[in-house]
Amino acid sequence: MGVKTSKKTKPQRPARDEFEMEELGNAVVEAHREKSEVNIK
């Protein structure tokens, strides 16, 4: 019977929220190293 085998799928891109959180995390780490502040708007 017409059972399809697994399709090849592209790796999923991270959601925009995940990207934003990673960028924010990088800014916090950099500010900590430089002993400065991060302004979040």
PDB file of N, CA and C in Angstrom:
ATOM      1  N   MET A   1       0.848  -1.174   0.000  1.00  0.00           N
ATOM      2  CA  MET A   1       0.000   0.000   0.000  1.00  0.00           C
ATOM      3  C   MET A   1       0.886   1.227   0.000  1.00  0.00           C
ATOM      4  N   GLY A   2       0.437   2.347  -0.387  1.00  0.00           N
ATOM      5  CA  GLY A   2       1.260   3.531  -0.607  1.00  0.00           C
ATOM      6  C   GLY A   2       1.772   4.203   0.654  1.00  0.00           C
ATOM      7  N   VAL A   3       2.652   3.538   1.381  1.00  0.00           N
ATOM      8  CA  VAL A   3       3.233   4.142   2.579  1.00  0.00           C
ATOM      9  C   VAL A   3       4.532   4.830   2.181  1.00  0.00           C
ATOM     10  N   LYS A   4       4.621   6.117   2.479  1.00  0.00           N
ATOM     11  CA  LYS A   4       5.816   6.869   2.117  1.00  0.00           C
ATOM     12  C   LYS A   4       6.883   6.713   3.200  1.00  0.00           C
ATOM     13  N   THR A   5       8.120   6.656   2.754  1.00  0.00           N
ATOM     14  CA  THR A   5       9.223   6.613   3.715  1.00  0.00           C
ATOM     15  C   THR A   5       9.552   8.030   4.160  1.00  0.00           C
ATOM     16  N   SER A   6      10.448   8.156   5.109  1.00  0.00           N
ATOM     17  CA  SER A   6      10.751   9.465   5.679  1.00  0.00           C
ATOM     18  C   SER A   6      11.260  10.427   4.612  1.00  0.00           C
ATOM     19  N   LYS A   7      10.807  11.675   4.713  1.00  0.00           N
ATOM     20  CA  LYS A   7      11.249  12.717   3.797  1.00  0.00           C
ATOM     21  C   LYS A   7      12.518  13.345   4.339  1.00  0.00           C
ATOM     22  N   LYS A   8      13.309  13.848   3.439  1.00  0.00           N
ATOM     23  CA  LYS A   8      14.481  14.601   3.874  1.00  0.00           C
ATOM     24  C   LYS A   8      14.003  15.985   4.284  1.00  0.00           C
ATOM     25  N   THR A   9      14.386  16.399   5.486  1.00  0.00           N
ATOM     26  CA  THR A   9      13.975  17.714   5.961  1.00  0.00           C
ATOM     27  C   THR A   9      15.203  18.557   6.228  1.00  0.00           C
ATOM     28  N   LYS A  10      15.045  19.840   6.020  1.00  0.00           N
ATOM     29  CA  LYS A  10      16.126  20.769   6.328  1.00  0.00           C
ATOM     30  C   LYS A  10      16.222  20.930   7.831  1.00  0.00           C
ATOM     31  N   PRO A  11      17.420  21.181   8.335  1.00  0.00           N
ATOM     32  CA  PRO A  11      17.511  21.505   9.766  1.00  0.00           C
ATOM     33  C   PRO A  11      16.733  22.790  10.022  1.00  0.00           C
ATOM     34  N   GLN A  12      15.959  22.818  11.090  1.00  0.00           N
ATOM     35  CA  GLN A  12      15.146  23.990  11.365  1.00  0.00           C
ATOM     36  C   GLN A  12      16.003  25.136  11.860  1.00  0.00           C
ATOM     37  N   ARG A  13      15.681  26.322  11.371  1.00  0.00           N
ATOM     38  CA  ARG A  13      16.355  27.526  11.864  1.00  0.00           C
ATOM     39  C   ARG A  13      15.803  27.855  13.231  1.00  0.00           C
ATOM     40  N   PRO A  14      16.637  28.431  14.086  1.00  0.00           N
ATOM     41  CA  PRO A  14      16.112  28.857  15.392  1.00  0.00           C
ATOM     42  C   PRO A  14      15.053  29.933  15.203  1.00  0.00           C
ATOM     43  N   ALA A  15      14.097  29.946  16.076  1.00  0.00           N
ATOM     44  CA  ALA A  15      13.056  30.969  16.026  1.00  0.00           C
ATOM     45  C   ALA A  15      13.687  32.331  16.281  1.00  0.00           C
ATOM     46  N   ARG A  16      13.011  33.387  15.850  1.00  0.00           N
ATOM     47  CA  ARG A  16      13.523  34.741  16.049  1.00  0.00           C
ATOM     48  C   ARG A  16      13.754  35.019  17.530  1.00  0.00           C
ATOM     49  N   ASP A  17      12.844  34.540  18.383  1.00  0.00           N
ATOM     50  CA  ASP A  17      12.993  34.762  19.825  1.00  0.00           C
ATOM     51  C   ASP A  17      14.286  34.133  20.337  1.00  0.00           C
ATOM     52  N   GLU A  18      14.607  32.946  19.853  1.00  0.00           N
ATOM     53  CA  GLU A  18      15.844  32.281  20.276  1.00  0.00           C
ATOM     54  C   GLU A  18      17.057  33.089  19.840  1.00  0.00           C
ATOM     55  N   PHE A  19      17.005  33.644  18.635  1.00  0.00           N
ATOM     56  CA  PHE A  19      18.101  34.466  18.133  1.00  0.00           C
ATOM     57  C   PHE A  19      18.256  35.716  18.989  1.00  0.00           C
ATOM     58  N   GLU A  20      17.131  36.367  19.298  1.00  0.00           N
ATOM     59  CA  GLU A  20      17.176  37.576  20.123  1.00  0.00           C
ATOM     60  C   GLU A  20      17.743  37.269  21.515  1.00  0.00           C
ATOM     61  N   MET A  21      17.347  36.148  22.099  1.00  0.00           N
ATOM     62  CA  MET A  21      17.847  35.774  23.427  1.00  0.00           C
ATOM     63  C   MET A  21      19.347  35.509  23.387  1.00  0.00           C
ATOM     64  N   GLU A  22      19.817  34.878  22.326  1.00  0.00           N
ATOM     65  CA  GLU A  22      21.248  34.621  22.210  1.00  0.00           C
ATOM     66  C   GLU A  22      22.021  35.933  22.093  1.00  0.00           C
ATOM     67  N   GLU A  23      21.513  36.870  21.294  1.00  0.00           N
ATOM     68  CA  GLU A  23      22.160  38.173  21.151  1.00  0.00           C
ATOM     69  C   GLU A  23      22.185  38.917  22.479  1.00  0.00           C
ATOM     70  N   LEU A  24      21.078  38.869  23.208  1.00  0.00           N
ATOM     71  CA  LEU A  24      21.013  39.527  24.512  1.00  0.00           C
ATOM     72  C   LEU A  24      22.010  38.895  25.482  1.00  0.00           C
ATOM     73  N   GLY A  25      22.087  37.586  25.474  1.00  0.00           N
ATOM     74  CA  GLY A  25      23.037  36.880  26.329  1.00  0.00           C
ATOM     75  C   GLY A  25      24.475  37.260  26.008  1.00  0.00           C
ATOM     76  N   ASN A  26      24.785  37.363  24.729  1.00  0.00           N
ATOM     77  CA  ASN A  26      26.136  37.761  24.325  1.00  0.00           C
ATOM     78  C   ASN A  26      26.453  39.180  24.800  1.00  0.00           C
ATOM     79  N   ALA A  27      25.469  40.084  24.719  1.00  0.00           N
ATOM     80  CA  ALA A  27      25.673  41.461  25.174  1.00  0.00           C
ATOM     81  C   ALA A  27      25.917  41.505  26.679  1.00  0.00           C
ATOM     82  N   VAL A  28      25.188  40.689  27.428  1.00  0.00           N
ATOM     83  CA  VAL A  28      25.357  40.655  28.886  1.00  0.00           C
ATOM     84  C   VAL A  28      26.744  40.116  29.253  1.00  0.00           C
ATOM     85  N   VAL A  29      27.171  39.062  28.596  1.00  0.00           N
ATOM     86  CA  VAL A  29      28.490  38.482  28.870  1.00  0.00           C
ATOM     87  C   VAL A  29      29.585  39.500  28.549  1.00  0.00           C
ATOM     88  N   GLU A  30      29.462  40.167  27.405  1.00  0.00           N
ATOM     89  CA  GLU A  30      30.460  41.161  27.023  1.00  0.00           C
ATOM     90  C   GLU A  30      30.488  42.322  28.018  1.00  0.00           C
ATOM     91  N   ALA A  31      29.320  42.782  28.451  1.00  0.00           N
ATOM     92  CA  ALA A  31      29.259  43.873  29.425  1.00  0.00           C
ATOM     93  C   ALA A  31      29.880  43.446  30.748  1.00  0.00           C
ATOM     94  N   HIS A  32      29.648  42.217  31.148  1.00  0.00           N
ATOM     95  CA  HIS A  32      30.230  41.713  32.394  1.00  0.00           C
ATOM     96  C   HIS A  32      31.758  41.710  32.316  1.00  0.00           C
ATOM     97  N   ARG A  33      32.277  41.261  31.184  1.00  0.00           N
ATOM     98  CA  ARG A  33      33.734  41.230  30.996  1.00  0.00           C
ATOM     99  C   ARG A  33      34.328  42.637  31.048  1.00  0.00           C
ATOM    100  N   GLU A  34      33.607  43.584  30.452  1.00  0.00           N
ATOM    101  CA  GLU A  34      34.095  44.956  30.387  1.00  0.00           C
ATOM    102  C   GLU A  34      33.680  45.789  31.598  1.00  0.00           C
ATOM    103  N   LYS A  35      32.971  45.158  32.511  1.00  0.00           N
ATOM    104  CA  LYS A  35      32.461  45.835  33.701  1.00  0.00           C
ATOM    105  C   LYS A  35      31.666  47.083  33.316  1.00  0.00           C
ATOM    106  N   SER A  36      30.777  46.906  32.341  1.00  0.00           N
ATOM    107  CA  SER A  36      29.904  47.996  31.911  1.00  0.00           C
ATOM    108  C   SER A  36      28.454  47.545  32.028  1.00  0.00           C
ATOM    109  N   GLU A  37      27.533  48.392  31.600  1.00  0.00           N
ATOM    110  CA  GLU A  37      26.104  48.103  31.706  1.00  0.00           C
ATOM    111  C   GLU A  37      25.505  47.849  30.337  1.00  0.00           C
ATOM    112  N   VAL A  38      24.379  47.136  30.333  1.00  0.00           N
ATOM    113  CA  VAL A  38      23.615  46.903  29.121  1.00  0.00           C
ATOM    114  C   VAL A  38      22.269  47.591  29.303  1.00  0.00           C
ATOM    115  N   ASN A  39      21.905  48.453  28.346  1.00  0.00           N
ATOM    116  CA  ASN A  39      20.586  49.095  28.372  1.00  0.00           C
ATOM    117  C   ASN A  39      19.635  48.312  27.477  1.00  0.00           C
ATOM    118  N   ILE A  40      18.535  47.886  28.040  1.00  0.00           N
ATOM    119  CA  ILE A  40      17.541  47.132  27.271  1.00  0.00           C
ATOM    120  C   ILE A  40      16.348  48.041  27.028  1.00  0.00           C
ATOM    121  N   LYS A  41      16.025  48.237  25.761  1.00  0.00           N
ATOM    122  CA  LYS A  41      14.906  49.125  25.395  1.00  0.00           C
ATOM    123  C   LYS A  41      13.770  48.330  24.834  1.00  0.00           C
TER     124      LYS A  41
END
